[in-house]
Amino acid sequence: RTPLLVKQHFDVVIVDEAGQISQPAILGPLMSADSFVLVGDHMQLPPLVSSEVADQAGYGVSMLKRLADKFPNAVAQLTLQYRMHGN
């Protein structure tokens, strides 16, 4: 955990753009919560990893992608994109 989260507890953590966040960056907040919601598109931009060693170790794959691949029935897809919707 990061020092900011050491004594923090949350009922729910909601992470937006979770497909672009590396696993080390997301684990602290998730460990501070009873449950969590990851929001994003695991098929778009992956986390930015500048180290080749870290990329080879799997840090270029987001927690959202790993969970979506392992538990596909837990993924809910948007049926309407409000930002691009004509009305």
PDB file of N, CA and C in Angstrom:
ATOM      1  N   ARG A   1       0.830  -1.199   0.000  1.00  0.00           N
ATOM      2  CA  ARG A   1       0.000   0.000   0.000  1.00  0.00           C
ATOM      3  C   ARG A   1       0.869   1.255   0.000  1.00  0.00           C
ATOM      4  N   THR A   2       0.319   2.277  -0.593  1.00  0.00           N
ATOM      5  CA  THR A   2       1.019   3.550  -0.560  1.00  0.00           C
ATOM      6  C   THR A   2       0.792   4.193   0.804  1.00  0.00           C
ATOM      7  N   PRO A   3       1.678   5.078   1.239  1.00  0.00           N
ATOM      8  CA  PRO A   3       1.501   5.741   2.539  1.00  0.00           C
ATOM      9  C   PRO A   3       0.154   6.472   2.661  1.00  0.00           C
ATOM     10  N   LEU A   4      -0.378   6.956   1.560  1.00  0.00           N
ATOM     11  CA  LEU A   4      -1.655   7.668   1.608  1.00  0.00           C
ATOM     12  C   LEU A   4      -2.821   6.753   1.972  1.00  0.00           C
ATOM     13  N   LEU A   5      -2.675   5.453   1.722  1.00  0.00           N
ATOM     14  CA  LEU A   5      -3.783   4.522   1.932  1.00  0.00           C
ATOM     15  C   LEU A   5      -3.602   3.616   3.147  1.00  0.00           C
ATOM     16  N   VAL A   6      -2.527   3.792   3.906  1.00  0.00           N
ATOM     17  CA  VAL A   6      -2.214   2.862   4.988  1.00  0.00           C
ATOM     18  C   VAL A   6      -3.356   2.705   5.975  1.00  0.00           C
ATOM     19  N   LYS A   7      -3.965   3.771   6.414  1.00  0.00           N
ATOM     20  CA  LYS A   7      -5.042   3.675   7.406  1.00  0.00           C
ATOM     21  C   LYS A   7      -6.411   3.961   6.807  1.00  0.00           C
ATOM     22  N   GLN A   8      -6.511   3.835   5.498  1.00  0.00           N
ATOM     23  CA  GLN A   8      -7.771   4.108   4.817  1.00  0.00           C
ATOM     24  C   GLN A   8      -8.533   2.806   4.567  1.00  0.00           C
ATOM     25  N   HIS A   9      -9.855   2.917   4.609  1.00  0.00           N
ATOM     26  CA  HIS A   9     -10.720   1.795   4.253  1.00  0.00           C
ATOM     27  C   HIS A   9     -11.898   2.340   3.467  1.00  0.00           C
ATOM     28  N   PHE A  10     -12.255   1.652   2.405  1.00  0.00           N
ATOM     29  CA  PHE A  10     -13.374   2.060   1.560  1.00  0.00           C
ATOM     30  C   PHE A  10     -14.328   0.881   1.390  1.00  0.00           C
ATOM     31  N   ASP A  11     -15.595   1.170   1.365  1.00  0.00           N
ATOM     32  CA  ASP A  11     -16.576   0.121   1.070  1.00  0.00           C
ATOM     33  C   ASP A  11     -16.403  -0.348  -0.366  1.00  0.00           C
ATOM     34  N   VAL A  12     -16.295   0.633  -1.279  1.00  0.00           N
ATOM     35  CA  VAL A  12     -16.161   0.336  -2.704  1.00  0.00           C
ATOM     36  C   VAL A  12     -15.133   1.291  -3.311  1.00  0.00           C
ATOM     37  N   VAL A  13     -14.287   0.769  -4.164  1.00  0.00           N
ATOM     38  CA  VAL A  13     -13.372   1.591  -4.954  1.00  0.00           C
ATOM     39  C   VAL A  13     -13.800   1.458  -6.406  1.00  0.00           C
ATOM     40  N   ILE A  14     -13.971   2.596  -7.076  1.00  0.00           N
ATOM     41  CA  ILE A  14     -14.315   2.617  -8.502  1.00  0.00           C
ATOM     42  C   ILE A  14     -13.112   3.181  -9.241  1.00  0.00           C
ATOM     43  N   VAL A  15     -12.586   2.424 -10.190  1.00  0.00           N
ATOM     44  CA  VAL A  15     -11.407   2.826 -10.950  1.00  0.00           C
ATOM     45  C   VAL A  15     -11.807   3.034 -12.403  1.00  0.00           C
ATOM     46  N   ASP A  16     -11.705   4.282 -12.871  1.00  0.00           N
ATOM     47  CA  ASP A  16     -12.009   4.589 -14.264  1.00  0.00           C
ATOM     48  C   ASP A  16     -10.744   4.407 -15.104  1.00  0.00           C
ATOM     49  N   GLU A  17     -10.912   4.099 -16.369  1.00  0.00           N
ATOM     50  CA  GLU A  17      -9.807   3.830 -17.291  1.00  0.00           C
ATOM     51  C   GLU A  17      -8.882   2.751 -16.739  1.00  0.00           C
ATOM     52  N   ALA A  18      -9.469   1.730 -16.136  1.00  0.00           N
ATOM     53  CA  ALA A  18      -8.705   0.668 -15.477  1.00  0.00           C
ATOM     54  C   ALA A  18      -7.878  -0.162 -16.448  1.00  0.00           C
ATOM     55  N   GLY A  19      -8.203  -0.139 -17.712  1.00  0.00           N
ATOM     56  CA  GLY A  19      -7.422  -0.872 -18.701  1.00  0.00           C
ATOM     57  C   GLY A  19      -6.064  -0.263 -18.966  1.00  0.00           C
ATOM     58  N   GLN A  20      -5.862   0.981 -18.513  1.00  0.00           N
ATOM     59  CA  GLN A  20      -4.605   1.678 -18.758  1.00  0.00           C
ATOM     60  C   GLN A  20      -3.736   1.773 -17.509  1.00  0.00           C
ATOM     61  N   ILE A  21      -4.158   1.169 -16.411  1.00  0.00           N
ATOM     62  CA  ILE A  21      -3.428   1.276 -15.148  1.00  0.00           C
ATOM     63  C   ILE A  21      -2.649  -0.010 -14.898  1.00  0.00           C
ATOM     64  N   SER A  22      -1.374   0.143 -14.544  1.00  0.00           N
ATOM     65  CA  SER A  22      -0.551  -1.033 -14.271  1.00  0.00           C
ATOM     66  C   SER A  22      -1.003  -1.706 -12.975  1.00  0.00           C
ATOM     67  N   GLN A  23      -0.717  -2.975 -12.870  1.00  0.00           N
ATOM     68  CA  GLN A  23      -1.132  -3.730 -11.681  1.00  0.00           C
ATOM     69  C   GLN A  23      -0.536  -3.180 -10.386  1.00  0.00           C
ATOM     70  N   PRO A  24       0.754  -2.832 -10.337  1.00  0.00           N
ATOM     71  CA  PRO A  24       1.276  -2.274  -9.080  1.00  0.00           C
ATOM     72  C   PRO A  24       0.562  -0.988  -8.658  1.00  0.00           C
ATOM     73  N   ALA A  25       0.154  -0.172  -9.626  1.00  0.00           N
ATOM     74  CA  ALA A  25      -0.516   1.087  -9.300  1.00  0.00           C
ATOM     75  C   ALA A  25      -1.934   0.876  -8.790  1.00  0.00           C
ATOM     76  N   ILE A  26      -2.586  -0.183  -9.197  1.00  0.00           N
ATOM     77  CA  ILE A  26      -3.985  -0.389  -8.832  1.00  0.00           C
ATOM     78  C   ILE A  26      -4.164  -1.235  -7.573  1.00  0.00           C
ATOM     79  N   LEU A  27      -3.164  -2.024  -7.225  1.00  0.00           N
ATOM     80  CA  LEU A  27      -3.319  -2.949  -6.100  1.00  0.00           C
ATOM     81  C   LEU A  27      -3.532  -2.247  -4.762  1.00  0.00           C
ATOM     82  N   GLY A  28      -2.852  -1.130  -4.520  1.00  0.00           N
ATOM     83  CA  GLY A  28      -3.016  -0.405  -3.252  1.00  0.00           C
ATOM     84  C   GLY A  28      -4.454  -0.003  -2.999  1.00  0.00           C
ATOM     85  N   PRO A  29      -5.075   0.717  -3.933  1.00  0.00           N
ATOM     86  CA  PRO A  29      -6.480   1.088  -3.731  1.00  0.00           C
ATOM     87  C   PRO A  29      -7.414  -0.119  -3.601  1.00  0.00           C
ATOM     88  N   LEU A  30      -7.194  -1.164  -4.403  1.00  0.00           N
ATOM     89  CA  LEU A  30      -8.067  -2.332  -4.333  1.00  0.00           C
ATOM     90  C   LEU A  30      -7.942  -3.048  -2.991  1.00  0.00           C
ATOM     91  N   MET A  31      -6.745  -3.062  -2.438  1.00  0.00           N
ATOM     92  CA  MET A  31      -6.533  -3.720  -1.147  1.00  0.00           C
ATOM     93  C   MET A  31      -7.152  -2.927   0.011  1.00  0.00           C
ATOM     94  N   SER A  32      -7.511  -1.667  -0.237  1.00  0.00           N
ATOM     95  CA  SER A  32      -8.117  -0.818   0.793  1.00  0.00           C
ATOM     96  C   SER A  32      -9.636  -0.878   0.775  1.00  0.00           C
ATOM     97  N   ALA A  33     -10.202  -1.748  -0.058  1.00  0.00           N
ATOM     98  CA  ALA A  33     -11.651  -1.773  -0.247  1.00  0.00           C
ATOM     99  C   ALA A  33     -12.238  -3.154  -0.007  1.00  0.00           C
ATOM    100  N   ASP A  34     -13.518  -3.157   0.386  1.00  0.00           N
ATOM    101  CA  ASP A  34     -14.247  -4.420   0.506  1.00  0.00           C
ATOM    102  C   ASP A  34     -14.596  -4.979  -0.865  1.00  0.00           C
ATOM    103  N   SER A  35     -14.890  -4.092  -1.809  1.00  0.00           N
ATOM    104  CA  SER A  35     -15.197  -4.505  -3.176  1.00  0.00           C
ATOM    105  C   SER A  35     -14.752  -3.395  -4.124  1.00  0.00           C
ATOM    106  N   PHE A  36     -14.744  -3.720  -5.414  1.00  0.00           N
ATOM    107  CA  PHE A  36     -14.283  -2.732  -6.383  1.00  0.00           C
ATOM    108  C   PHE A  36     -15.001  -2.907  -7.710  1.00  0.00           C
ATOM    109  N   VAL A  37     -14.996  -1.820  -8.483  1.00  0.00           N
ATOM    110  CA  VAL A  37     -15.540  -1.814  -9.840  1.00  0.00           C
ATOM    111  C   VAL A  37     -14.455  -1.242 -10.740  1.00  0.00           C
ATOM    112  N   LEU A  38     -14.082  -1.992 -11.760  1.00  0.00           N
ATOM    113  CA  LEU A  38     -13.113  -1.525 -12.730  1.00  0.00           C
ATOM    114  C   LEU A  38     -13.870  -1.117 -13.989  1.00  0.00           C
ATOM    115  N   VAL A  39     -13.643   0.117 -14.426  1.00  0.00           N
ATOM    116  CA  VAL A  39     -14.350   0.667 -15.579  1.00  0.00           C
ATOM    117  C   VAL A  39     -13.321   0.960 -16.664  1.00  0.00           C
ATOM    118  N   GLY A  40     -13.612   0.553 -17.871  1.00  0.00           N
ATOM    119  CA  GLY A  40     -12.698   0.825 -18.974  1.00  0.00           C
ATOM    120  C   GLY A  40     -12.845  -0.227 -20.047  1.00  0.00           C
ATOM    121  N   ASP A  41     -11.957  -0.163 -21.014  1.00  0.00           N
ATOM    122  CA  ASP A  41     -11.974  -1.101 -22.135  1.00  0.00           C
ATOM    123  C   ASP A  41     -10.653  -1.849 -22.145  1.00  0.00           C
ATOM    124  N   HIS A  42     -10.695  -3.104 -21.767  1.00  0.00           N
ATOM    125  CA  HIS A  42      -9.470  -3.907 -21.698  1.00  0.00           C
ATOM    126  C   HIS A  42      -8.923  -4.263 -23.081  1.00  0.00           C
ATOM    127  N   MET A  43      -9.658  -3.910 -24.126  1.00  0.00           N
ATOM    128  CA  MET A  43      -9.212  -4.200 -25.485  1.00  0.00           C
ATOM    129  C   MET A  43      -8.527  -2.985 -26.129  1.00  0.00           C
ATOM    130  N   GLN A  44      -8.477  -1.862 -25.425  1.00  0.00           N
ATOM    131  CA  GLN A  44      -7.844  -0.664 -25.991  1.00  0.00           C
ATOM    132  C   GLN A  44      -6.433  -0.512 -25.437  1.00  0.00           C
ATOM    133  N   LEU A  45      -6.036   0.709 -25.119  1.00  0.00           N
ATOM    134  CA  LEU A  45      -4.664   0.981 -24.692  1.00  0.00           C
ATOM    135  C   LEU A  45      -4.296   0.245 -23.415  1.00  0.00           C
ATOM    136  N   PRO A  46      -3.192  -0.493 -23.426  1.00  0.00           N
ATOM    137  CA  PRO A  46      -2.724  -1.161 -22.221  1.00  0.00           C
ATOM    138  C   PRO A  46      -1.948  -0.180 -21.340  1.00  0.00           C
ATOM    139  N   PRO A  47      -1.549  -0.595 -20.148  1.00  0.00           N
ATOM    140  CA  PRO A  47      -0.720   0.275 -19.311  1.00  0.00           C
ATOM    141  C   PRO A  47       0.597   0.602 -20.022  1.00  0.00           C
ATOM    142  N   LEU A  48       1.095   1.808 -19.794  1.00  0.00           N
ATOM    143  CA  LEU A  48       2.370   2.212 -20.348  1.00  0.00           C
ATOM    144  C   LEU A  48       3.481   1.659 -19.457  1.00  0.00           C
ATOM    145  N   VAL A  49       4.325   0.825 -20.025  1.00  0.00           N
ATOM    146  CA  VAL A  49       5.445   0.239 -19.295  1.00  0.00           C
ATOM    147  C   VAL A  49       6.706   0.567 -20.072  1.00  0.00           C
ATOM    148  N   SER A  50       7.590   1.344 -19.463  1.00  0.00           N
ATOM    149  CA  SER A  50       8.793   1.768 -20.174  1.00  0.00           C
ATOM    150  C   SER A  50       9.964   0.805 -19.995  1.00  0.00           C
ATOM    151  N   SER A  51       9.874  -0.087 -19.051  1.00  0.00           N
ATOM    152  CA  SER A  51      10.943  -1.060 -18.804  1.00  0.00           C
ATOM    153  C   SER A  51      10.651  -2.354 -19.554  1.00  0.00           C
ATOM    154  N   GLU A  52      11.610  -2.803 -20.342  1.00  0.00           N
ATOM    155  CA  GLU A  52      11.442  -4.054 -21.072  1.00  0.00           C
ATOM    156  C   GLU A  52      11.337  -5.237 -20.112  1.00  0.00           C
ATOM    157  N   VAL A  53      12.091  -5.180 -19.024  1.00  0.00           N
ATOM    158  CA  VAL A  53      12.057  -6.252 -18.019  1.00  0.00           C
ATOM    159  C   VAL A  53      10.666  -6.324 -17.386  1.00  0.00           C
ATOM    160  N   ALA A  54      10.105  -5.164 -17.022  1.00  0.00           N
ATOM    161  CA  ALA A  54       8.767  -5.133 -16.427  1.00  0.00           C
ATOM    162  C   ALA A  54       7.718  -5.609 -17.424  1.00  0.00           C
ATOM    163  N   ASP A  55       7.875  -5.218 -18.679  1.00  0.00           N
ATOM    164  CA  ASP A  55       6.926  -5.646 -19.705  1.00  0.00           C
ATOM    165  C   ASP A  55       6.976  -7.168 -19.873  1.00  0.00           C
ATOM    166  N   GLN A  56       8.173  -7.735 -19.896  1.00  0.00           N
ATOM    167  CA  GLN A  56       8.317  -9.186 -20.022  1.00  0.00           C
ATOM    168  C   GLN A  56       7.771  -9.911 -18.795  1.00  0.00           C
ATOM    169  N   ALA A  57       7.772  -9.223 -17.642  1.00  0.00           N
ATOM    170  CA  ALA A  57       7.239  -9.825 -16.413  1.00  0.00           C
ATOM    171  C   ALA A  57       5.715  -9.731 -16.341  1.00  0.00           C
ATOM    172  N   GLY A  58       5.093  -9.097 -17.332  1.00  0.00           N
ATOM    173  CA  GLY A  58       3.634  -9.042 -17.378  1.00  0.00           C
ATOM    174  C   GLY A  58       3.016  -7.762 -16.883  1.00  0.00           C
ATOM    175  N   TYR A  59       3.828  -6.750 -16.565  1.00  0.00           N
ATOM    176  CA  TYR A  59       3.281  -5.500 -16.057  1.00  0.00           C
ATOM    177  C   TYR A  59       2.611  -4.657 -17.136  1.00  0.00           C
ATOM    178  N   GLY A  60       2.730  -5.051 -18.376  1.00  0.00           N
ATOM    179  CA  GLY A  60       2.056  -4.358 -19.465  1.00  0.00           C
ATOM    180  C   GLY A  60       0.625  -4.825 -19.661  1.00  0.00           C
ATOM    181  N   VAL A  61       0.179  -5.739 -18.809  1.00  0.00           N
ATOM    182  CA  VAL A  61      -1.200  -6.242 -18.860  1.00  0.00           C
ATOM    183  C   VAL A  61      -1.938  -5.715 -17.634  1.00  0.00           C
ATOM    184  N   SER A  62      -3.058  -5.062 -17.849  1.00  0.00           N
ATOM    185  CA  SER A  62      -3.802  -4.465 -16.731  1.00  0.00           C
ATOM    186  C   SER A  62      -4.557  -5.531 -15.927  1.00  0.00           C
ATOM    187  N   MET A  63      -4.881  -5.170 -14.706  1.00  0.00           N
ATOM    188  CA  MET A  63      -5.699  -6.039 -13.860  1.00  0.00           C
ATOM    189  C   MET A  63      -7.063  -6.244 -14.514  1.00  0.00           C
ATOM    190  N   LEU A  64      -7.589  -5.197 -15.149  1.00  0.00           N
ATOM    191  CA  LEU A  64      -8.877  -5.303 -15.843  1.00  0.00           C
ATOM    192  C   LEU A  64      -8.811  -6.390 -16.922  1.00  0.00           C
ATOM    193  N   LYS A  65      -7.769  -6.398 -17.730  1.00  0.00           N
ATOM    194  CA  LYS A  65      -7.636  -7.406 -18.784  1.00  0.00           C
ATOM    195  C   LYS A  65      -7.504  -8.801 -18.195  1.00  0.00           C
ATOM    196  N   ARG A  66      -6.678  -8.947 -17.174  1.00  0.00           N
ATOM    197  CA  ARG A  66      -6.495 -10.270 -16.553  1.00  0.00           C
ATOM    198  C   ARG A  66      -7.817 -10.802 -15.998  1.00  0.00           C
ATOM    199  N   LEU A  67      -8.558  -9.932 -15.310  1.00  0.00           N
ATOM    200  CA  LEU A  67      -9.831 -10.369 -14.729  1.00  0.00           C
ATOM    201  C   LEU A  67     -10.876 -10.629 -15.806  1.00  0.00           C
ATOM    202  N   ALA A  68     -10.914  -9.785 -16.843  1.00  0.00           N
ATOM    203  CA  ALA A  68     -11.878  -9.979 -17.933  1.00  0.00           C
ATOM    204  C   ALA A  68     -11.606 -11.286 -18.679  1.00  0.00           C
ATOM    205  N   ASP A  69     -10.331 -11.615 -18.852  1.00  0.00           N
ATOM    206  CA  ASP A  69      -9.990 -12.869 -19.528  1.00  0.00           C
ATOM    207  C   ASP A  69     -10.333 -14.078 -18.658  1.00  0.00           C
ATOM    208  N   LYS A  70     -10.119 -13.958 -17.364  1.00  0.00           N
ATOM    209  CA  LYS A  70     -10.361 -15.089 -16.460  1.00  0.00           C
ATOM    210  C   LYS A  70     -11.846 -15.256 -16.119  1.00  0.00           C
ATOM    211  N   PHE A  71     -12.572 -14.131 -16.017  1.00  0.00           N
ATOM    212  CA  PHE A  71     -13.984 -14.170 -15.640  1.00  0.00           C
ATOM    213  C   PHE A  71     -14.832 -13.396 -16.658  1.00  0.00           C
ATOM    214  N   PRO A  72     -14.944 -13.887 -17.894  1.00  0.00           N
ATOM    215  CA  PRO A  72     -15.663 -13.136 -18.931  1.00  0.00           C
ATOM    216  C   PRO A  72     -17.133 -12.884 -18.600  1.00  0.00           C
ATOM    217  N   ASN A  73     -17.749 -13.717 -17.798  1.00  0.00           N
ATOM    218  CA  ASN A  73     -19.159 -13.506 -17.446  1.00  0.00           C
ATOM    219  C   ASN A  73     -19.350 -12.336 -16.484  1.00  0.00           C
ATOM    220  N   ALA A  74     -18.269 -11.862 -15.881  1.00  0.00           N
ATOM    221  CA  ALA A  74     -18.360 -10.731 -14.961  1.00  0.00           C
ATOM    222  C   ALA A  74     -18.231  -9.389 -15.678  1.00  0.00           C
ATOM    223  N   VAL A  75     -17.983  -9.423 -16.980  1.00  0.00           N
ATOM    224  CA  VAL A  75     -17.815  -8.201 -17.766  1.00  0.00           C
ATOM    225  C   VAL A  75     -19.172  -7.740 -18.277  1.00  0.00           C
ATOM    226  N   ALA A  76     -19.474  -6.469 -18.038  1.00  0.00           N
ATOM    227  CA  ALA A  76     -20.703  -5.863 -18.564  1.00  0.00           C
ATOM    228  C   ALA A  76     -20.312  -4.833 -19.617  1.00  0.00           C
ATOM    229  N   GLN A  77     -20.855  -4.954 -20.795  1.00  0.00           N
ATOM    230  CA  GLN A  77     -20.543  -4.021 -21.870  1.00  0.00           C
ATOM    231  C   GLN A  77     -21.618  -2.960 -21.991  1.00  0.00           C
ATOM    232  N   LEU A  78     -21.192  -1.756 -22.358  1.00  0.00           N
ATOM    233  CA  LEU A  78     -22.141  -0.676 -22.601  1.00  0.00           C
ATOM    234  C   LEU A  78     -23.040  -1.023 -23.778  1.00  0.00           C
ATOM    235  N   THR A  79     -24.296  -0.682 -23.665  1.00  0.00           N
ATOM    236  CA  THR A  79     -25.209  -0.850 -24.789  1.00  0.00           C
ATOM    237  C   THR A  79     -25.474   0.482 -25.476  1.00  0.00           C
ATOM    238  N   LEU A  80     -25.102   1.578 -24.799  1.00  0.00           N
ATOM    239  CA  LEU A  80     -25.294   2.916 -25.357  1.00  0.00           C
ATOM    240  C   LEU A  80     -24.155   3.808 -24.884  1.00  0.00           C
ATOM    241  N   GLN A  81     -23.477   4.439 -25.829  1.00  0.00           N
ATOM    242  CA  GLN A  81     -22.378   5.349 -25.518  1.00  0.00           C
ATOM    243  C   GLN A  81     -22.943   6.761 -25.508  1.00  0.00           C
ATOM    244  N   TYR A  82     -23.121   7.322 -24.324  1.00  0.00           N
ATOM    245  CA  TYR A  82     -23.773   8.616 -24.199  1.00  0.00           C
ATOM    246  C   TYR A  82     -22.948   9.776 -24.750  1.00  0.00           C
ATOM    247  N   ARG A  83     -21.643   9.712 -24.650  1.00  0.00           N
ATOM    248  CA  ARG A  83     -20.820  10.815 -25.155  1.00  0.00           C
ATOM    249  C   ARG A  83     -20.911  10.948 -26.669  1.00  0.00           C
ATOM    250  N   MET A  84     -21.175   9.870 -27.377  1.00  0.00           N
ATOM    251  CA  MET A  84     -21.209   9.902 -28.829  1.00  0.00           C
ATOM    252  C   MET A  84     -22.614   9.692 -29.383  1.00  0.00           C
ATOM    253  N   HIS A  85     -23.583   9.643 -28.498  1.00  0.00           N
ATOM    254  CA  HIS A  85     -24.971   9.395 -28.902  1.00  0.00           C
ATOM    255  C   HIS A  85     -25.559  10.687 -29.475  1.00  0.00           C
ATOM    256  N   GLY A  86     -26.327  10.564 -30.537  1.00  0.00           N
ATOM    257  CA  GLY A  86     -26.895  11.718 -31.233  1.00  0.00           C
ATOM    258  C   GLY A  86     -27.910  12.510 -30.423  1.00  0.00           C
ATOM    259  N   ASN A  87     -28.592  11.884 -29.474  1.00  0.00           N
ATOM    260  CA  ASN A  87     -29.605  12.596 -28.693  1.00  0.00           C
ATOM    261  C   ASN A  87     -28.984  13.052 -27.446  1.00  0.00           C
TER     262      ASN A  87
END
